[in-house]
C-alpha cells in the first residue's frame, strides 16, 4: 500500500517552502522517511483550488493535510482538485465537515458536552428575536451561555460578543449575538451556536462565573486556527482560564495566568495516538479519562480527529469541550509529535 504524503501550506513569502508555523512538522515528516508536498492556502480560500494544488505531483496517491483551517466547501474543492491530479485526501469532505463543524459532531457527543443549540444563517445576518427566543427556550430559558458559530467564538471579546450572563435576558442575548455576527462578518461559519456555560477546574483550583482570565488561542482541532484570524489553525475554542466552555478553542479575557485543566487528544481510526496539553496552555498537563470518549469517537466515524477535554470544577468528571478535524488542529509548543506523524504515515 502506498505511503501517504503530507500536504502543508506554503510560506506566503517563499512558495517553495512550508509555512513557518509548520516547518518543524515538515522536517519531522522527512526524518520519518515520508514526503511532504506544498499547497497554496490563500488560493484555496479564494476558491482557486486547481491553482492551489499545482505543486502536487500527478499520481500522488494517499494524502493527509496539515495546515490552516478551510471552510467545508473549500475543503471539498480542495479534495476534488487533488482527485483530478491522482491524489486522494484520506479525510473525505463529509468527514472533514462532521468533525470541523459543531452540528456535525454534536449529535454523537450530546450528553458528554455542554448542551448546545444552533440557528443556521445566510451570511452575516443575525437571527431574528423570535429565532433567538426559541433557541433560548430549547436550552431551558435561563442561566449563563456562550455564543459562537459552527467553528469559532470571539473569546477575545468575551463580554461584548461571547458571554451571556443570563439567557432569560433576551435583550442581552440579542446584543451579544448581534455583535458576534457583526465581528465575524464574512467569516461567519454556518450559523450561530448558543452553548451552556460550564465551570471547569483550573490548574490552581476552580473559579467562578466571572469571565475568562486569559485569552485563548484558536479558531478552530485551537483548529489550525490560531489567534490571528478566521482562516488560521484551529486550537478550538476550548475553555477559558475561568473554566468556561468556549466552543472551539478557548475563550479568554486578560486578567491572569490561571488556566482550565484541559487536554487535547488526537485520534486516528478510533485510537488515541497522542494526549497532550491544550495549545493555549502547553504548561498545563492533564491525564483525562478516555473511557466514555473512546466509544463516542468511534461512533463519529471520522478517521483523524481531536477532542478537547476539560475537568469539571465539581469533580464530576471530564467533559468534551470541542471536537475538531485533526488536519487543522494545532499542536502545543514543545510536544513530541513523532508518534502522531508516524501513525499518519503508516495509516
Protein backbone atom coordinates (compact mmCIF):
# COMPACT_ATOMS: atom_id res chain seq x y z
CA UNK A 1 0.00 0.00 0.00
CA UNK A 2 1.43 3.44 -0.90
CA UNK A 3 2.78 5.53 1.97
CA UNK A 4 0.72 8.70 2.44
CA UNK A 5 2.38 12.05 1.77
CA UNK A 6 1.75 15.10 3.93
CA UNK A 7 0.43 18.36 2.49
CA UNK A 8 1.48 21.63 4.14
CA UNK A 9 0.65 25.24 3.23
CA UNK A 10 3.38 27.22 1.51
CA UNK A 11 5.24 30.11 3.05
CA UNK A 12 3.47 33.20 1.61
CA UNK A 13 6.89 34.87 1.16
CA UNK A 14 8.61 31.82 -0.32
CA UNK A 15 6.23 29.37 -2.00
CA UNK A 16 8.95 26.72 -2.30
CA UNK A 17 8.99 26.29 1.48
CA UNK A 18 6.40 25.28 4.07
CA UNK A 19 4.70 27.97 6.09
CA UNK A 20 6.99 28.74 9.06
CA UNK A 21 4.30 27.56 11.50
CA UNK A 22 4.54 24.05 10.01
CA UNK A 23 8.22 23.91 9.09
CA UNK A 24 9.12 21.75 12.09
CA UNK A 25 6.38 19.25 11.22
CA UNK A 26 7.62 19.07 7.63
CA UNK A 27 11.18 18.39 8.87
CA UNK A 28 9.90 15.65 11.15
CA UNK A 29 7.95 14.05 8.31
CA UNK A 30 11.16 13.90 6.26
CA UNK A 31 13.08 12.43 9.18
CA UNK A 32 10.42 9.73 9.46
CA UNK A 33 11.05 8.79 5.83
CA UNK A 34 7.94 10.26 4.22
CA UNK A 35 7.39 13.01 1.68
CA UNK A 36 5.81 16.39 2.21
CA UNK A 37 4.16 18.44 -0.53
CA UNK A 38 3.05 22.07 -0.66
CA UNK A 39 -0.29 23.75 -1.40
CA UNK A 40 -1.27 27.42 -1.59
CA UNK A 41 -3.69 28.08 1.26
CA UNK A 42 -4.53 31.60 0.09
CA UNK A 43 -5.57 30.24 -3.32
CA UNK A 44 -7.71 27.58 -1.62
CA UNK A 45 -9.53 30.23 0.41
CA UNK A 46 -10.06 32.30 -2.73
CA UNK A 47 -11.74 29.37 -4.49
CA UNK A 48 -8.84 28.65 -6.85
CA UNK A 49 -8.29 25.03 -5.88
CA UNK A 50 -6.65 23.92 -9.14
CA UNK A 51 -4.08 26.70 -8.80
CA UNK A 52 -3.57 25.86 -5.12
CA UNK A 53 -2.51 22.26 -5.80
CA UNK A 54 -0.39 22.81 -8.91
CA UNK A 55 2.80 21.89 -6.99
CA UNK A 56 1.35 18.49 -6.04
CA UNK A 57 2.73 15.87 -8.48
CA UNK A 58 0.35 13.89 -10.66
CA UNK A 59 -0.46 10.48 -9.24
CA UNK A 60 0.49 11.46 -5.69
CA UNK A 61 -1.80 8.85 -4.13
CA UNK A 62 -2.97 9.00 -0.48
CA UNK A 63 -2.59 12.35 1.25
CA UNK A 64 -3.01 13.93 4.66
CA UNK A 65 -3.33 17.68 5.06
CA UNK A 66 -1.71 19.52 7.97
CA UNK A 67 -2.47 23.20 7.69
CA UNK A 68 -4.68 26.17 8.30
CA UNK A 69 -8.43 25.80 8.57
CA UNK A 70 -10.60 25.76 5.48
CA UNK A 71 -14.37 26.25 5.23
CA UNK A 72 -16.01 22.92 4.49
CA UNK A 73 -16.98 23.99 0.95
CA UNK A 74 -13.39 25.00 0.18
CA UNK A 75 -12.15 21.69 1.57
CA UNK A 76 -14.47 19.85 -0.83
CA UNK A 77 -13.00 21.86 -3.74
CA UNK A 78 -9.51 21.04 -2.44
CA UNK A 79 -10.32 17.31 -2.41
CA UNK A 80 -11.77 17.43 -5.92
CA UNK A 81 -8.73 19.25 -7.31
CA UNK A 82 -6.40 16.65 -5.80
CA UNK A 83 -8.53 13.80 -7.13
CA UNK A 84 -8.21 15.28 -10.61
CA UNK A 85 -4.42 15.03 -10.23
CA UNK A 86 -4.49 11.44 -8.98
CA UNK A 87 -4.31 12.24 -5.30
CA UNK A 88 -6.73 11.35 -2.52
CA UNK A 89 -7.23 13.10 0.79
CA UNK A 90 -7.61 10.42 3.46
CA UNK A 91 -10.18 12.59 5.23
CA UNK A 92 -13.20 12.88 2.93
CA UNK A 93 -15.12 16.16 2.61
CA UNK A 94 -18.09 14.77 4.61
CA UNK A 95 -15.68 13.53 7.28
CA UNK A 96 -14.00 16.91 7.47
CA UNK A 97 -17.30 18.74 7.87
CA UNK A 98 -18.52 16.29 10.52
CA UNK A 99 -15.52 16.91 12.76
CA UNK A 100 -14.92 20.56 11.89
CA UNK A 101 -18.42 21.98 12.48
CA UNK A 102 -20.37 21.60 15.72
CA UNK A 103 -23.63 20.40 14.10
CA UNK A 104 -21.66 17.57 12.50
CA UNK A 105 -20.42 16.06 15.76
CA UNK A 106 -22.84 17.30 18.42
CA UNK A 107 -25.42 14.55 17.97
CA UNK A 108 -22.83 11.89 18.77
CA UNK A 109 -21.37 13.73 21.77
CA UNK A 110 -24.63 15.09 23.20
CA UNK A 111 -24.64 14.43 26.93
CA UNK A 112 -20.84 14.42 27.11
CA UNK A 113 -20.52 18.06 26.01
CA UNK A 114 -22.33 21.22 27.18
CA UNK A 115 -25.90 21.49 25.83
CA UNK A 116 -25.99 23.48 22.60
CA UNK A 117 -28.45 24.79 20.03
CA UNK A 118 -27.78 26.44 16.70
CA UNK A 119 -29.51 28.65 14.17
CA UNK A 120 -28.36 28.43 10.52
CA UNK A 121 -27.84 31.84 8.94
CA UNK A 122 -27.48 33.10 5.38
CA UNK A 123 -24.23 35.01 5.62
CA UNK A 124 -23.58 37.62 8.30
CA UNK A 125 -27.25 38.14 9.15
CA UNK A 126 -28.20 37.87 12.85
CA UNK A 127 -31.04 35.54 13.83
CA UNK A 128 -34.39 37.20 14.43
CA UNK A 129 -35.57 37.85 18.01
CA UNK A 130 -38.10 35.05 17.55
CA UNK A 131 -35.40 32.61 16.48
CA UNK A 132 -33.24 33.56 19.46
CA UNK A 133 -36.16 33.22 21.87
CA UNK A 134 -36.88 29.72 20.54
CA UNK A 135 -33.20 28.75 20.84
CA UNK A 136 -33.03 30.05 24.41
CA UNK A 137 -36.17 28.11 25.31
CA UNK A 138 -34.57 24.91 23.98
CA UNK A 139 -31.68 25.49 26.42
CA UNK A 140 -34.06 25.84 29.35
CA UNK A 141 -34.61 29.59 29.20
CA UNK A 142 -32.19 30.71 31.93
CA UNK A 143 -28.58 30.56 33.08
CA UNK A 144 -25.28 31.65 31.51
CA UNK A 145 -24.21 30.72 27.99
CA UNK A 146 -21.56 31.17 25.30
CA UNK A 147 -22.14 32.40 21.73
CA UNK A 148 -20.09 31.15 18.77
CA UNK A 149 -20.55 29.96 15.21
CA UNK A 150 -20.20 26.40 13.93
CA UNK A 151 -16.41 26.61 14.25
CA UNK A 152 -15.23 29.59 16.30
CA UNK A 153 -16.01 32.01 19.08
CA UNK A 154 -14.99 35.63 19.76
CA UNK A 155 -13.44 34.78 23.08
CA UNK A 156 -11.19 37.80 22.90
CA UNK A 157 -14.30 39.95 23.03
CA UNK A 158 -15.65 37.99 25.99
CA UNK A 159 -18.27 40.35 27.43
CA UNK A 160 -19.03 42.05 24.12
CA UNK A 161 -19.50 39.13 21.75
CA UNK A 162 -19.14 35.82 23.56
CA UNK A 163 -20.56 35.51 27.10
CA UNK A 164 -24.23 35.84 28.02
CA UNK A 165 -24.64 36.03 31.83
CA UNK A 166 -28.36 35.23 31.78
CA UNK A 167 -30.33 33.69 28.93
CA UNK A 168 -33.59 34.99 30.40
CA UNK A 169 -32.44 38.48 29.43
CA UNK A 170 -33.35 38.17 25.75
CA UNK A 171 -32.28 41.73 25.01
CA UNK A 172 -28.78 40.91 26.25
CA UNK A 173 -28.77 37.71 24.21
CA UNK A 174 -29.66 39.74 21.12
CA UNK A 175 -26.91 42.29 21.80
CA UNK A 176 -24.19 39.67 22.21
CA UNK A 177 -25.33 37.65 19.22
CA UNK A 178 -25.66 40.75 17.06
CA UNK A 179 -22.18 41.94 17.95
CA UNK A 180 -20.75 38.47 17.39
CA UNK A 181 -22.27 38.28 13.91
CA UNK A 182 -21.06 41.79 13.12
CA UNK A 183 -17.48 40.99 14.15
CA UNK A 184 -17.38 37.64 12.35
CA UNK A 185 -18.67 39.28 9.17
CA UNK A 186 -17.88 37.30 6.05
CA UNK A 187 -16.07 34.69 8.14
CA UNK A 188 -19.20 33.58 10.00
CA UNK A 189 -19.23 29.78 9.70
CA UNK A 190 -22.62 28.18 9.17
CA UNK A 191 -24.72 29.91 11.77
CA UNK A 192 -24.99 30.99 15.40
CA UNK A 193 -24.48 28.49 18.23
CA UNK A 194 -25.54 29.06 21.83
CA UNK A 195 -23.86 26.74 24.36
CA UNK A 196 -24.40 26.29 28.06
CA UNK A 197 -21.62 27.81 30.15
CA UNK A 198 -20.00 25.24 32.45
CA UNK A 199 -17.33 25.68 35.11
CA UNK A 200 -14.13 23.68 34.85
CA UNK A 201 -11.28 23.01 37.22
CA UNK A 202 -8.35 25.42 36.99
CA UNK A 203 -4.75 24.38 37.30
CA UNK A 204 -4.71 26.11 40.70
CA UNK A 205 -8.33 25.39 41.69
CA UNK A 206 -11.88 26.07 40.50
CA UNK A 207 -13.06 29.55 39.62
CA UNK A 208 -16.41 31.26 39.43
CA UNK A 209 -18.58 32.60 36.69
CA UNK A 210 -16.80 35.91 36.34
CA UNK A 211 -15.34 35.54 32.91
CA UNK A 212 -12.05 34.35 31.44
CA UNK A 213 -8.64 35.01 32.97
CA UNK A 214 -6.58 34.67 29.82
CA UNK A 215 -7.00 34.78 26.08
CA UNK A 216 -7.43 31.53 24.33
CA UNK A 217 -5.79 30.70 21.11
CA UNK A 218 -7.72 29.16 18.38
CA UNK A 219 -10.01 29.41 15.89
CA UNK A 220 -10.62 26.30 15.00
CA UNK A 221 -8.94 20.86 16.37
CA UNK A 222 -7.49 25.87 18.63
CA UNK A 223 -8.16 24.04 14.79
CA UNK A 224 -5.31 25.38 12.96
CA UNK A 225 -6.96 28.42 13.61
CA UNK A 226 -4.67 30.37 15.75
CA UNK A 227 -5.35 33.61 17.48
CA UNK A 228 -4.79 35.76 14.47
CA UNK A 229 -7.76 35.46 12.20
CA UNK A 230 -10.57 33.32 10.96
CA UNK A 231 -8.55 31.47 8.38
CA UNK A 232 -5.93 30.19 10.78
CA UNK A 233 -5.32 26.98 12.64
CA UNK A 234 -7.81 25.78 14.99
CA UNK A 235 -6.87 25.35 18.52
CA UNK A 236 -10.57 25.13 19.01
CA UNK A 237 -12.27 27.39 21.40
CA UNK A 238 -11.70 25.14 24.32
CA UNK A 239 -12.29 26.65 27.68
CA UNK A 240 -11.09 29.80 29.25
CA UNK A 241 -8.96 30.11 32.33
CA UNK A 242 -12.01 30.57 34.47
CA UNK A 243 -13.32 27.26 33.31
CA UNK A 244 -15.95 28.40 30.85
CA UNK A 245 -16.87 26.48 27.77
CA UNK A 246 -15.89 28.45 24.71
CA UNK A 247 -16.88 26.17 21.94
CA UNK A 248 -13.92 25.77 19.67
CA UNK A 249 -10.66 26.69 21.30
CA UNK A 250 -10.75 28.62 24.40
CA UNK A 251 -12.44 31.72 25.48
CA UNK A 252 -10.37 34.33 27.10
CA UNK A 253 -10.05 37.58 28.83
CA UNK A 254 -6.88 39.17 30.12
CA UNK A 255 -6.68 39.09 33.88
CA UNK A 256 -4.24 36.45 34.94
CA UNK A 257 -2.35 33.28 34.20
CA UNK A 258 -4.83 30.71 35.54
CA UNK A 259 -5.98 28.18 33.01
CA UNK A 260 -8.56 25.42 32.94
CA UNK A 261 -7.29 21.87 33.29
CA UNK A 262 -7.69 20.80 29.67
CA UNK A 263 -6.19 18.16 27.42
CA UNK A 264 -6.15 17.68 23.66
CA UNK A 265 -6.41 14.09 22.44
CA UNK A 266 -5.53 13.10 18.88
CA UNK A 267 -7.40 10.11 17.45
CA UNK A 268 -6.63 8.05 14.36
CA UNK A 269 -9.16 5.43 13.27
CA UNK A 270 -10.74 5.48 16.72
CA UNK A 271 -7.47 5.08 18.66
CA UNK A 272 -5.85 7.79 20.80
CA UNK A 273 -2.36 8.31 19.37
CA UNK A 274 -1.35 11.45 21.27
CA UNK A 275 -2.54 13.05 24.52
CA UNK A 276 -1.15 16.45 25.40
CA UNK A 277 -1.96 19.88 26.77
CA UNK A 278 -4.18 22.38 25.01
CA UNK A 279 -2.16 24.65 22.69
CA UNK A 280 -3.27 27.72 24.66
CA UNK A 281 -1.66 26.37 27.82
CA UNK A 282 1.18 24.00 26.93
CA UNK A 283 2.38 24.07 30.55
CA UNK A 284 -0.90 22.66 31.96
CA UNK A 285 -0.76 18.86 31.76
CA UNK A 286 -3.68 16.55 32.43
CA UNK A 287 -4.49 12.86 32.17
CA UNK A 288 -8.12 12.63 31.07
CA UNK A 289 -10.29 9.57 31.44
CA UNK A 290 -10.94 8.41 27.87
CA UNK A 291 -13.32 5.57 28.68
CA UNK A 292 -16.52 7.28 27.55
CA UNK A 293 -14.96 9.41 24.83
CA UNK A 294 -13.34 6.48 23.02
CA UNK A 295 -16.70 4.95 22.19
CA UNK A 296 -18.06 8.30 21.01
CA UNK A 297 -15.09 8.95 18.73
CA UNK A 298 -15.51 5.53 17.18
CA UNK A 299 -19.21 6.19 16.64
CA UNK A 300 -18.44 9.53 14.95
CA UNK A 301 -16.55 7.51 12.34
CA UNK A 302 -14.06 10.19 11.24
CA UNK A 303 -10.54 8.96 10.60
CA UNK A 304 -8.43 11.76 12.12
CA UNK A 305 -9.94 13.95 14.83
CA UNK A 306 -9.12 15.78 18.03
CA UNK A 307 -11.11 16.14 21.21
CA UNK A 308 -10.50 18.82 23.83
CA UNK A 309 -11.42 17.58 27.29
CA UNK A 310 -11.77 19.61 30.49
CA UNK A 311 -12.25 18.51 34.09
CA UNK A 312 -15.42 19.81 35.74
CA UNK A 313 -14.96 22.09 38.73
CA UNK A 314 -17.26 19.96 40.89
CA UNK A 315 -15.08 16.89 40.36
CA UNK A 316 -17.81 15.01 38.49
CA UNK A 317 -15.60 14.04 35.58
CA UNK A 318 -14.39 15.11 32.16
CA UNK A 319 -16.36 16.97 29.51
CA UNK A 320 -15.82 17.21 25.76
CA UNK A 321 -15.31 20.91 25.16
CA UNK A 322 -14.67 20.67 21.44
CA UNK A 323 -14.20 18.21 18.60
CA UNK A 324 -12.08 19.11 15.60
CA UNK A 325 -10.65 17.71 12.39
CA UNK A 326 -7.11 16.58 13.16
CA UNK A 327 -5.70 18.04 9.95
CA UNK A 328 -6.41 21.59 11.09
CA UNK A 329 -5.90 21.21 14.87
CA UNK A 330 -2.86 22.91 16.34
CA UNK A 331 -0.15 21.18 18.34
CA UNK A 332 1.09 22.66 21.63
CA UNK A 333 4.60 24.08 21.72
CA UNK A 334 7.30 21.60 22.66
CA UNK A 335 5.29 18.41 22.25
CA UNK A 336 6.85 15.31 20.69
CA UNK A 337 4.69 14.73 17.63
CA UNK A 338 6.81 11.94 16.12
CA UNK A 339 4.39 9.22 17.21
CA UNK A 340 1.40 11.09 15.80
CA UNK A 341 3.05 11.76 12.45
CA UNK A 342 4.43 8.21 12.23
CA UNK A 343 0.91 6.88 12.78
CA UNK A 344 -0.44 9.07 9.97
CA UNK A 345 2.32 7.92 7.64
CA UNK A 346 1.54 4.27 8.46
CA UNK A 347 -2.23 4.69 8.07
